[in-house]
Amino acid sequence: MDKTRVALYIRVSTAEQGVKWVSIDAQKADLISFSKRKWFFLDEEKHIYIDKGVSWAENDREWLNALMLAAKRKEFDLVLVWKIDRFFRKT
């Protein structure tokens, strides 16, 4: 059986949030650790997408857009986020 291929999406909207709440490094470490525990395949050179200092409300999130293009190309099977509001707020 093939391993599930994953991508990581990490975001902080402000520098303060990265210090006060959960930093990019902490989100990244947690998600990498989780993917290893679940035996997922993560190409760390290619499929870690980080938007720094970007609000969820912005339509033009550079790395979210890149993630969506890679998803359309079926480069991975699953996207991991530290908390759902890092990805989007409105359902």
PDB file of N, CA and C in Angstrom:
ATOM      1  N   MET A   1       0.840  -1.187   0.000  1.00  0.00           N
ATOM      2  CA  MET A   1       0.000   0.000   0.000  1.00  0.00           C
ATOM      3  C   MET A   1       0.884   1.249   0.000  1.00  0.00           C
ATOM      4  N   ASP A   2       0.547   2.206  -0.854  1.00  0.00           N
ATOM      5  CA  ASP A   2       1.303   3.455  -0.937  1.00  0.00           C
ATOM      6  C   ASP A   2       0.988   4.346   0.253  1.00  0.00           C
ATOM      7  N   LYS A   3       1.986   5.108   0.657  1.00  0.00           N
ATOM      8  CA  LYS A   3       1.770   6.075   1.734  1.00  0.00           C
ATOM      9  C   LYS A   3       0.936   7.239   1.230  1.00  0.00           C
ATOM     10  N   THR A   4       0.152   7.811   2.119  1.00  0.00           N
ATOM     11  CA  THR A   4      -0.605   9.014   1.805  1.00  0.00           C
ATOM     12  C   THR A   4       0.372  10.176   1.669  1.00  0.00           C
ATOM     13  N   ARG A   5       0.295  10.866   0.551  1.00  0.00           N
ATOM     14  CA  ARG A   5       1.168  12.015   0.294  1.00  0.00           C
ATOM     15  C   ARG A   5       0.494  13.250   0.873  1.00  0.00           C
ATOM     16  N   VAL A   6       1.234  14.013   1.679  1.00  0.00           N
ATOM     17  CA  VAL A   6       0.652  15.187   2.320  1.00  0.00           C
ATOM     18  C   VAL A   6       1.406  16.463   1.965  1.00  0.00           C
ATOM     19  N   ALA A   7       0.685  17.570   2.136  1.00  0.00           N
ATOM     20  CA  ALA A   7       1.267  18.909   2.056  1.00  0.00           C
ATOM     21  C   ALA A   7       0.918  19.606   3.360  1.00  0.00           C
ATOM     22  N   LEU A   8       1.739  20.554   3.755  1.00  0.00           N
ATOM     23  CA  LEU A   8       1.477  21.345   4.956  1.00  0.00           C
ATOM     24  C   LEU A   8       1.160  22.775   4.545  1.00  0.00           C
ATOM     25  N   TYR A   9       0.138  23.349   5.181  1.00  0.00           N
ATOM     26  CA  TYR A   9      -0.151  24.770   4.996  1.00  0.00           C
ATOM     27  C   TYR A   9      -0.045  25.432   6.365  1.00  0.00           C
ATOM     28  N   ILE A  10       0.815  26.446   6.431  1.00  0.00           N
ATOM     29  CA  ILE A  10       1.119  27.134   7.684  1.00  0.00           C
ATOM     30  C   ILE A  10       0.913  28.630   7.452  1.00  0.00           C
ATOM     31  N   ARG A  11       0.260  29.291   8.433  1.00  0.00           N
ATOM     32  CA  ARG A  11       0.032  30.726   8.284  1.00  0.00           C
ATOM     33  C   ARG A  11      -0.009  31.413   9.640  1.00  0.00           C
ATOM     34  N   VAL A  12       0.593  32.587   9.703  1.00  0.00           N
ATOM     35  CA  VAL A  12       0.364  33.530  10.800  1.00  0.00           C
ATOM     36  C   VAL A  12       0.013  34.848  10.145  1.00  0.00           C
ATOM     37  N   SER A  13      -0.948  35.561  10.729  1.00  0.00           N
ATOM     38  CA  SER A  13      -1.408  36.794  10.103  1.00  0.00           C
ATOM     39  C   SER A  13      -0.598  38.014  10.519  1.00  0.00           C
ATOM     40  N   THR A  14       0.021  37.967  11.695  1.00  0.00           N
ATOM     41  CA  THR A  14       0.830  39.098  12.160  1.00  0.00           C
ATOM     42  C   THR A  14       2.082  38.575  12.851  1.00  0.00           C
ATOM     43  N   ALA A  15       3.075  39.432  12.954  1.00  0.00           N
ATOM     44  CA  ALA A  15       4.293  39.053  13.679  1.00  0.00           C
ATOM     45  C   ALA A  15       3.961  38.776  15.142  1.00  0.00           C
ATOM     46  N   GLU A  16       3.055  39.569  15.714  1.00  0.00           N
ATOM     47  CA  GLU A  16       2.660  39.379  17.109  1.00  0.00           C
ATOM     48  C   GLU A  16       2.026  38.007  17.307  1.00  0.00           C
ATOM     49  N   GLN A  17       1.180  37.621  16.373  1.00  0.00           N
ATOM     50  CA  GLN A  17       0.534  36.316  16.482  1.00  0.00           C
ATOM     51  C   GLN A  17       1.572  35.194  16.486  1.00  0.00           C
ATOM     52  N   GLY A  18       2.612  35.346  15.686  1.00  0.00           N
ATOM     53  CA  GLY A  18       3.658  34.338  15.632  1.00  0.00           C
ATOM     54  C   GLY A  18       4.412  34.192  16.930  1.00  0.00           C
ATOM     55  N   VAL A  19       4.427  35.231  17.743  1.00  0.00           N
ATOM     56  CA  VAL A  19       5.105  35.183  19.043  1.00  0.00           C
ATOM     57  C   VAL A  19       4.116  34.824  20.147  1.00  0.00           C
ATOM     58  N   LYS A  20       2.971  35.479  20.140  1.00  0.00           N
ATOM     59  CA  LYS A  20       1.986  35.326  21.205  1.00  0.00           C
ATOM     60  C   LYS A  20       1.255  33.981  21.137  1.00  0.00           C
ATOM     61  N   TRP A  21       0.947  33.520  19.939  1.00  0.00           N
ATOM     62  CA  TRP A  21       0.172  32.291  19.784  1.00  0.00           C
ATOM     63  C   TRP A  21       1.065  31.149  19.342  1.00  0.00           C
ATOM     64  N   VAL A  22       0.920  30.717  18.136  1.00  0.00           N
ATOM     65  CA  VAL A  22       1.707  29.583  17.658  1.00  0.00           C
ATOM     66  C   VAL A  22       2.529  30.025  16.455  1.00  0.00           C
ATOM     67  N   SER A  23       3.825  30.001  16.618  1.00  0.00           N
ATOM     68  CA  SER A  23       4.732  30.479  15.580  1.00  0.00           C
ATOM     69  C   SER A  23       4.735  29.549  14.373  1.00  0.00           C
ATOM     70  N   ILE A  24       5.290  30.049  13.306  1.00  0.00           N
ATOM     71  CA  ILE A  24       5.469  29.236  12.102  1.00  0.00           C
ATOM     72  C   ILE A  24       6.307  28.010  12.424  1.00  0.00           C
ATOM     73  N   ASP A  25       7.397  28.198  13.144  1.00  0.00           N
ATOM     74  CA  ASP A  25       8.273  27.062  13.476  1.00  0.00           C
ATOM     75  C   ASP A  25       7.545  26.012  14.316  1.00  0.00           C
ATOM     76  N   ALA A  26       6.732  26.452  15.266  1.00  0.00           N
ATOM     77  CA  ALA A  26       5.986  25.506  16.107  1.00  0.00           C
ATOM     78  C   ALA A  26       4.936  24.758  15.292  1.00  0.00           C
ATOM     79  N   GLN A  27       4.218  25.473  14.429  1.00  0.00           N
ATOM     80  CA  GLN A  27       3.235  24.809  13.568  1.00  0.00           C
ATOM     81  C   GLN A  27       3.917  23.773  12.678  1.00  0.00           C
ATOM     82  N   LYS A  28       5.020  24.181  12.080  1.00  0.00           N
ATOM     83  CA  LYS A  28       5.754  23.301  11.176  1.00  0.00           C
ATOM     84  C   LYS A  28       6.249  22.056  11.901  1.00  0.00           C
ATOM     85  N   ALA A  29       6.853  22.234  13.067  1.00  0.00           N
ATOM     86  CA  ALA A  29       7.359  21.092  13.838  1.00  0.00           C
ATOM     87  C   ALA A  29       6.231  20.134  14.217  1.00  0.00           C
ATOM     88  N   ASP A  30       5.114  20.682  14.679  1.00  0.00           N
ATOM     89  CA  ASP A  30       3.969  19.839  15.057  1.00  0.00           C
ATOM     90  C   ASP A  30       3.443  19.047  13.871  1.00  0.00           C
ATOM     91  N   LEU A  31       3.302  19.714  12.727  1.00  0.00           N
ATOM     92  CA  LEU A  31       2.750  19.047  11.549  1.00  0.00           C
ATOM     93  C   LEU A  31       3.699  18.001  10.981  1.00  0.00           C
ATOM     94  N   ILE A  32       4.984  18.282  10.977  1.00  0.00           N
ATOM     95  CA  ILE A  32       5.958  17.282  10.513  1.00  0.00           C
ATOM     96  C   ILE A  32       5.939  16.074  11.441  1.00  0.00           C
ATOM     97  N   SER A  33       5.912  16.323  12.742  1.00  0.00           N
ATOM     98  CA  SER A  33       5.858  15.228  13.717  1.00  0.00           C
ATOM     99  C   SER A  33       4.597  14.388  13.524  1.00  0.00           C
ATOM    100  N   PHE A  34       3.462  15.048  13.346  1.00  0.00           N
ATOM    101  CA  PHE A  34       2.199  14.334  13.124  1.00  0.00           C
ATOM    102  C   PHE A  34       2.272  13.479  11.866  1.00  0.00           C
ATOM    103  N   SER A  35       2.800  14.038  10.789  1.00  0.00           N
ATOM    104  CA  SER A  35       2.864  13.283   9.537  1.00  0.00           C
ATOM    105  C   SER A  35       3.770  12.059   9.673  1.00  0.00           C
ATOM    106  N   LYS A  36       4.841  12.182  10.443  1.00  0.00           N
ATOM    107  CA  LYS A  36       5.723  11.028  10.669  1.00  0.00           C
ATOM    108  C   LYS A  36       5.036   9.959  11.510  1.00  0.00           C
ATOM    109  N   ARG A  37       4.301  10.384  12.545  1.00  0.00           N
ATOM    110  CA  ARG A  37       3.592   9.418  13.394  1.00  0.00           C
ATOM    111  C   ARG A  37       2.534   8.641  12.611  1.00  0.00           C
ATOM    112  N   LYS A  38       1.940   9.306  11.618  1.00  0.00           N
ATOM    113  CA  LYS A  38       0.893   8.677  10.812  1.00  0.00           C
ATOM    114  C   LYS A  38       1.464   7.955   9.588  1.00  0.00           C
ATOM    115  N   TRP A  39       2.771   7.972   9.425  1.00  0.00           N
ATOM    116  CA  TRP A  39       3.453   7.329   8.304  1.00  0.00           C
ATOM    117  C   TRP A  39       3.066   7.936   6.961  1.00  0.00           C
ATOM    118  N   PHE A  40       2.759   9.243   6.977  1.00  0.00           N
ATOM    119  CA  PHE A  40       2.472   9.949   5.734  1.00  0.00           C
ATOM    120  C   PHE A  40       3.788  10.259   5.027  1.00  0.00           C
ATOM    121  N   PHE A  41       3.715  10.450   3.715  1.00  0.00           N
ATOM    122  CA  PHE A  41       4.880  10.883   2.952  1.00  0.00           C
ATOM    123  C   PHE A  41       4.800  12.396   2.763  1.00  0.00           C
ATOM    124  N   LEU A  42       5.832  13.114   3.189  1.00  0.00           N
ATOM    125  CA  LEU A  42       5.913  14.561   3.036  1.00  0.00           C
ATOM    126  C   LEU A  42       7.212  14.909   2.330  1.00  0.00           C
ATOM    127  N   ASP A  43       7.098  15.530   1.172  1.00  0.00           N
ATOM    128  CA  ASP A  43       8.265  16.053   0.473  1.00  0.00           C
ATOM    129  C   ASP A  43       8.529  17.445   1.057  1.00  0.00           C
ATOM    130  N   GLU A  44       9.427  17.515   2.038  1.00  0.00           N
ATOM    131  CA  GLU A  44       9.667  18.772   2.766  1.00  0.00           C
ATOM    132  C   GLU A  44      10.257  19.864   1.885  1.00  0.00           C
ATOM    133  N   GLU A  45      10.889  19.497   0.795  1.00  0.00           N
ATOM    134  CA  GLU A  45      11.468  20.493  -0.109  1.00  0.00           C
ATOM    135  C   GLU A  45      10.402  21.144  -0.986  1.00  0.00           C
ATOM    136  N   LYS A  46       9.295  20.441  -1.191  1.00  0.00           N
ATOM    137  CA  LYS A  46       8.327  20.886  -2.183  1.00  0.00           C
ATOM    138  C   LYS A  46       6.944  21.225  -1.624  1.00  0.00           C
ATOM    139  N   HIS A  47       6.515  20.537  -0.570  1.00  0.00           N
ATOM    140  CA  HIS A  47       5.119  20.644  -0.166  1.00  0.00           C
ATOM    141  C   HIS A  47       4.883  21.206   1.236  1.00  0.00           C
ATOM    142  N   ILE A  48       5.662  22.192   1.595  1.00  0.00           N
ATOM    143  CA  ILE A  48       5.385  22.968   2.802  1.00  0.00           C
ATOM    144  C   ILE A  48       5.146  24.402   2.339  1.00  0.00           C
ATOM    145  N   TYR A  49       3.945  24.874   2.571  1.00  0.00           N
ATOM    146  CA  TYR A  49       3.503  26.184   2.093  1.00  0.00           C
ATOM    147  C   TYR A  49       3.291  27.097   3.300  1.00  0.00           C
ATOM    148  N   ILE A  50       3.973  28.250   3.310  1.00  0.00           N
ATOM    149  CA  ILE A  50       3.934  29.147   4.467  1.00  0.00           C
ATOM    150  C   ILE A  50       3.575  30.560   4.024  1.00  0.00           C
ATOM    151  N   ASP A  51       2.464  31.049   4.540  1.00  0.00           N
ATOM    152  CA  ASP A  51       2.067  32.443   4.346  1.00  0.00           C
ATOM    153  C   ASP A  51       2.315  33.168   5.662  1.00  0.00           C
ATOM    154  N   LYS A  52       3.224  34.128   5.638  1.00  0.00           N
ATOM    155  CA  LYS A  52       3.602  34.870   6.846  1.00  0.00           C
ATOM    156  C   LYS A  52       3.082  36.291   6.751  1.00  0.00           C
ATOM    157  N   GLY A  53       2.360  36.716   7.784  1.00  0.00           N
ATOM    158  CA  GLY A  53       1.844  38.073   7.823  1.00  0.00           C
ATOM    159  C   GLY A  53       0.679  38.293   6.869  1.00  0.00           C
ATOM    160  N   VAL A  54      -0.128  37.246   6.677  1.00  0.00           N
ATOM    161  CA  VAL A  54      -1.236  37.318   5.725  1.00  0.00           C
ATOM    162  C   VAL A  54      -2.536  36.980   6.433  1.00  0.00           C
ATOM    163  N   SER A  55      -3.525  37.847   6.308  1.00  0.00           N
ATOM    164  CA  SER A  55      -4.833  37.618   6.910  1.00  0.00           C
ATOM    165  C   SER A  55      -5.592  36.542   6.132  1.00  0.00           C
ATOM    166  N   TRP A  56      -6.446  35.813   6.838  1.00  0.00           N
ATOM    167  CA  TRP A  56      -7.275  34.796   6.179  1.00  0.00           C
ATOM    168  C   TRP A  56      -8.200  35.431   5.159  1.00  0.00           C
ATOM    169  N   ALA A  57      -8.550  36.688   5.348  1.00  0.00           N
ATOM    170  CA  ALA A  57      -9.513  37.368   4.478  1.00  0.00           C
ATOM    171  C   ALA A  57      -8.913  37.799   3.139  1.00  0.00           C
ATOM    172  N   GLU A  58      -7.600  37.800   3.040  1.00  0.00           N
ATOM    173  CA  GLU A  58      -6.972  38.215   1.787  1.00  0.00           C
ATOM    174  C   GLU A  58      -7.224  37.184   0.705  1.00  0.00           C
ATOM    175  N   ASN A  59      -7.586  37.662  -0.465  1.00  0.00           N
ATOM    176  CA  ASN A  59      -7.843  36.770  -1.592  1.00  0.00           C
ATOM    177  C   ASN A  59      -6.570  36.296  -2.259  1.00  0.00           C
ATOM    178  N   ASP A  60      -5.510  37.042  -2.102  1.00  0.00           N
ATOM    179  CA  ASP A  60      -4.279  36.700  -2.799  1.00  0.00           C
ATOM    180  C   ASP A  60      -3.204  36.229  -1.825  1.00  0.00           C
ATOM    181  N   ARG A  61      -3.394  35.029  -1.283  1.00  0.00           N
ATOM    182  CA  ARG A  61      -2.384  34.426  -0.414  1.00  0.00           C
ATOM    183  C   ARG A  61      -1.445  33.618  -1.308  1.00  0.00           C
ATOM    184  N   GLU A  62      -0.246  34.118  -1.496  1.00  0.00           N
ATOM    185  CA  GLU A  62       0.707  33.542  -2.447  1.00  0.00           C
ATOM    186  C   GLU A  62       0.866  32.028  -2.280  1.00  0.00           C
ATOM    187  N   TRP A  63       1.126  31.601  -1.066  1.00  0.00           N
ATOM    188  CA  TRP A  63       1.431  30.180  -0.876  1.00  0.00           C
ATOM    189  C   TRP A  63       0.182  29.316  -0.826  1.00  0.00           C
ATOM    190  N   LEU A  64      -0.935  29.865  -0.423  1.00  0.00           N
ATOM    191  CA  LEU A  64      -2.186  29.120  -0.528  1.00  0.00           C
ATOM    192  C   LEU A  64      -2.529  28.903  -1.999  1.00  0.00           C
ATOM    193  N   ASN A  65      -2.321  29.924  -2.812  1.00  0.00           N
ATOM    194  CA  ASN A  65      -2.554  29.778  -4.245  1.00  0.00           C
ATOM    195  C   ASN A  65      -1.646  28.709  -4.849  1.00  0.00           C
ATOM    196  N   ALA A  66      -0.384  28.683  -4.433  1.00  0.00           N
ATOM    197  CA  ALA A  66       0.556  27.664  -4.925  1.00  0.00           C
ATOM    198  C   ALA A  66       0.106  26.268  -4.488  1.00  0.00           C
ATOM    199  N   LEU A  67      -0.354  26.150  -3.248  1.00  0.00           N
ATOM    200  CA  LEU A  67      -0.855  24.873  -2.742  1.00  0.00           C
ATOM    201  C   LEU A  67      -2.050  24.405  -3.585  1.00  0.00           C
ATOM    202  N   MET A  68      -2.966  25.312  -3.890  1.00  0.00           N
ATOM    203  CA  MET A  68      -4.149  24.954  -4.676  1.00  0.00           C
ATOM    204  C   MET A  68      -3.762  24.481  -6.081  1.00  0.00           C
ATOM    205  N   LEU A  69      -2.780  25.122  -6.685  1.00  0.00           N
ATOM    206  CA  LEU A  69      -2.311  24.675  -8.005  1.00  0.00           C
ATOM    207  C   LEU A  69      -1.700  23.279  -7.934  1.00  0.00           C
ATOM    208  N   ALA A  70      -0.902  23.033  -6.904  1.00  0.00           N
ATOM    209  CA  ALA A  70      -0.303  21.704  -6.730  1.00  0.00           C
ATOM    210  C   ALA A  70      -1.384  20.652  -6.476  1.00  0.00           C
ATOM    211  N   ALA A  71      -2.428  21.037  -5.751  1.00  0.00           N
ATOM    212  CA  ALA A  71      -3.542  20.114  -5.504  1.00  0.00           C
ATOM    213  C   ALA A  71      -4.243  19.766  -6.811  1.00  0.00           C
ATOM    214  N   LYS A  72      -4.428  20.748  -7.667  1.00  0.00           N
ATOM    215  CA  LYS A  72      -5.056  20.491  -8.970  1.00  0.00           C
ATOM    216  C   LYS A  72      -4.221  19.534  -9.805  1.00  0.00           C
ATOM    217  N   ARG A  73      -2.900  19.584  -9.619  1.00  0.00           N
ATOM    218  CA  ARG A  73      -2.001  18.670 -10.330  1.00  0.00           C
ATOM    219  C   ARG A  73      -1.894  17.310  -9.634  1.00  0.00           C
ATOM    220  N   LYS A  74      -2.634  17.150  -8.531  1.00  0.00           N
ATOM    221  CA  LYS A  74      -2.670  15.906  -7.759  1.00  0.00           C
ATOM    222  C   LYS A  74      -1.283  15.490  -7.243  1.00  0.00           C
ATOM    223  N   GLU A  75      -0.536  16.512  -6.750  1.00  0.00           N
ATOM    224  CA  GLU A  75       0.803  16.258  -6.224  1.00  0.00           C
ATOM    225  C   GLU A  75       0.777  15.663  -4.819  1.00  0.00           C
ATOM    226  N   PHE A  76      -0.364  15.746  -4.142  1.00  0.00           N
ATOM    227  CA  PHE A  76      -0.513  15.166  -2.803  1.00  0.00           C
ATOM    228  C   PHE A  76      -1.965  14.774  -2.618  1.00  0.00           C
ATOM    229  N   ASP A  77      -2.211  14.004  -1.549  1.00  0.00           N
ATOM    230  CA  ASP A  77      -3.544  13.470  -1.289  1.00  0.00           C
ATOM    231  C   ASP A  77      -4.282  14.217  -0.184  1.00  0.00           C
ATOM    232  N   LEU A  78      -3.539  14.889   0.682  1.00  0.00           N
ATOM    233  CA  LEU A  78      -4.101  15.451   1.900  1.00  0.00           C
ATOM    234  C   LEU A  78      -3.332  16.704   2.293  1.00  0.00           C
ATOM    235  N   VAL A  79      -4.045  17.706   2.803  1.00  0.00           N
ATOM    236  CA  VAL A  79      -3.410  18.921   3.320  1.00  0.00           C
ATOM    237  C   VAL A  79      -3.561  18.921   4.835  1.00  0.00           C
ATOM    238  N   LEU A  80      -2.460  19.121   5.537  1.00  0.00           N
ATOM    239  CA  LEU A  80      -2.477  19.215   6.994  1.00  0.00           C
ATOM    240  C   LEU A  80      -2.316  20.673   7.404  1.00  0.00           C
ATOM    241  N   VAL A  81      -3.130  21.106   8.354  1.00  0.00           N
ATOM    242  CA  VAL A  81      -3.018  22.435   8.939  1.00  0.00           C
ATOM    243  C   VAL A  81      -3.021  22.280  10.450  1.00  0.00           C
ATOM    244  N   TRP A  82      -2.351  23.209  11.137  1.00  0.00           N
ATOM    245  CA  TRP A  82      -2.257  23.125  12.599  1.00  0.00           C
ATOM    246  C   TRP A  82      -3.618  23.344  13.242  1.00  0.00           C
ATOM    247  N   LYS A  83      -4.385  24.258  12.668  1.00  0.00           N
ATOM    248  CA  LYS A  83      -5.733  24.568  13.141  1.00  0.00           C
ATOM    249  C   LYS A  83      -6.510  25.043  11.927  1.00  0.00           C
ATOM    250  N   ILE A  84      -7.768  24.687  11.826  1.00  0.00           N
ATOM    251  CA  ILE A  84      -8.538  24.971  10.617  1.00  0.00           C
ATOM    252  C   ILE A  84      -8.576  26.450  10.274  1.00  0.00           C
ATOM    253  N   ASP A  85      -8.510  27.332  11.267  1.00  0.00           N
ATOM    254  CA  ASP A  85      -8.554  28.767  10.941  1.00  0.00           C
ATOM    255  C   ASP A  85      -7.261  29.271  10.300  1.00  0.00           C
ATOM    256  N   ARG A  86      -6.239  28.457  10.250  1.00  0.00           N
ATOM    257  CA  ARG A  86      -5.033  28.809   9.515  1.00  0.00           C
ATOM    258  C   ARG A  86      -5.315  28.726   8.005  1.00  0.00           C
ATOM    259  N   PHE A  87      -6.244  27.859   7.650  1.00  0.00           N
ATOM    260  CA  PHE A  87      -6.579  27.605   6.241  1.00  0.00           C
ATOM    261  C   PHE A  87      -7.695  28.546   5.776  1.00  0.00           C
ATOM    262  N   PHE A  88      -8.795  28.567   6.529  1.00  0.00           N
ATOM    263  CA  PHE A  88      -9.910  29.446   6.215  1.00  0.00           C
ATOM    264  C   PHE A  88     -10.785  29.598   7.452  1.00  0.00           C
ATOM    265  N   ARG A  89     -11.658  30.574   7.441  1.00  0.00           N
ATOM    266  CA  ARG A  89     -12.555  30.802   8.581  1.00  0.00           C
ATOM    267  C   ARG A  89     -14.006  30.548   8.229  1.00  0.00           C
ATOM    268  N   LYS A  90     -14.415  30.980   7.062  1.00  0.00           N
ATOM    269  CA  LYS A  90     -15.806  30.835   6.655  1.00  0.00           C
ATOM    270  C   LYS A  90     -15.984  29.476   5.983  1.00  0.00           C
ATOM    271  N   THR A  91     -17.011  28.768   6.404  1.00  0.00           N
ATOM    272  CA  THR A  91     -17.246  27.446   5.805  1.00  0.00           C
ATOM    273  C   THR A  91     -18.368  27.470   4.798  1.00  0.00           C
TER     274      THR A  91
END
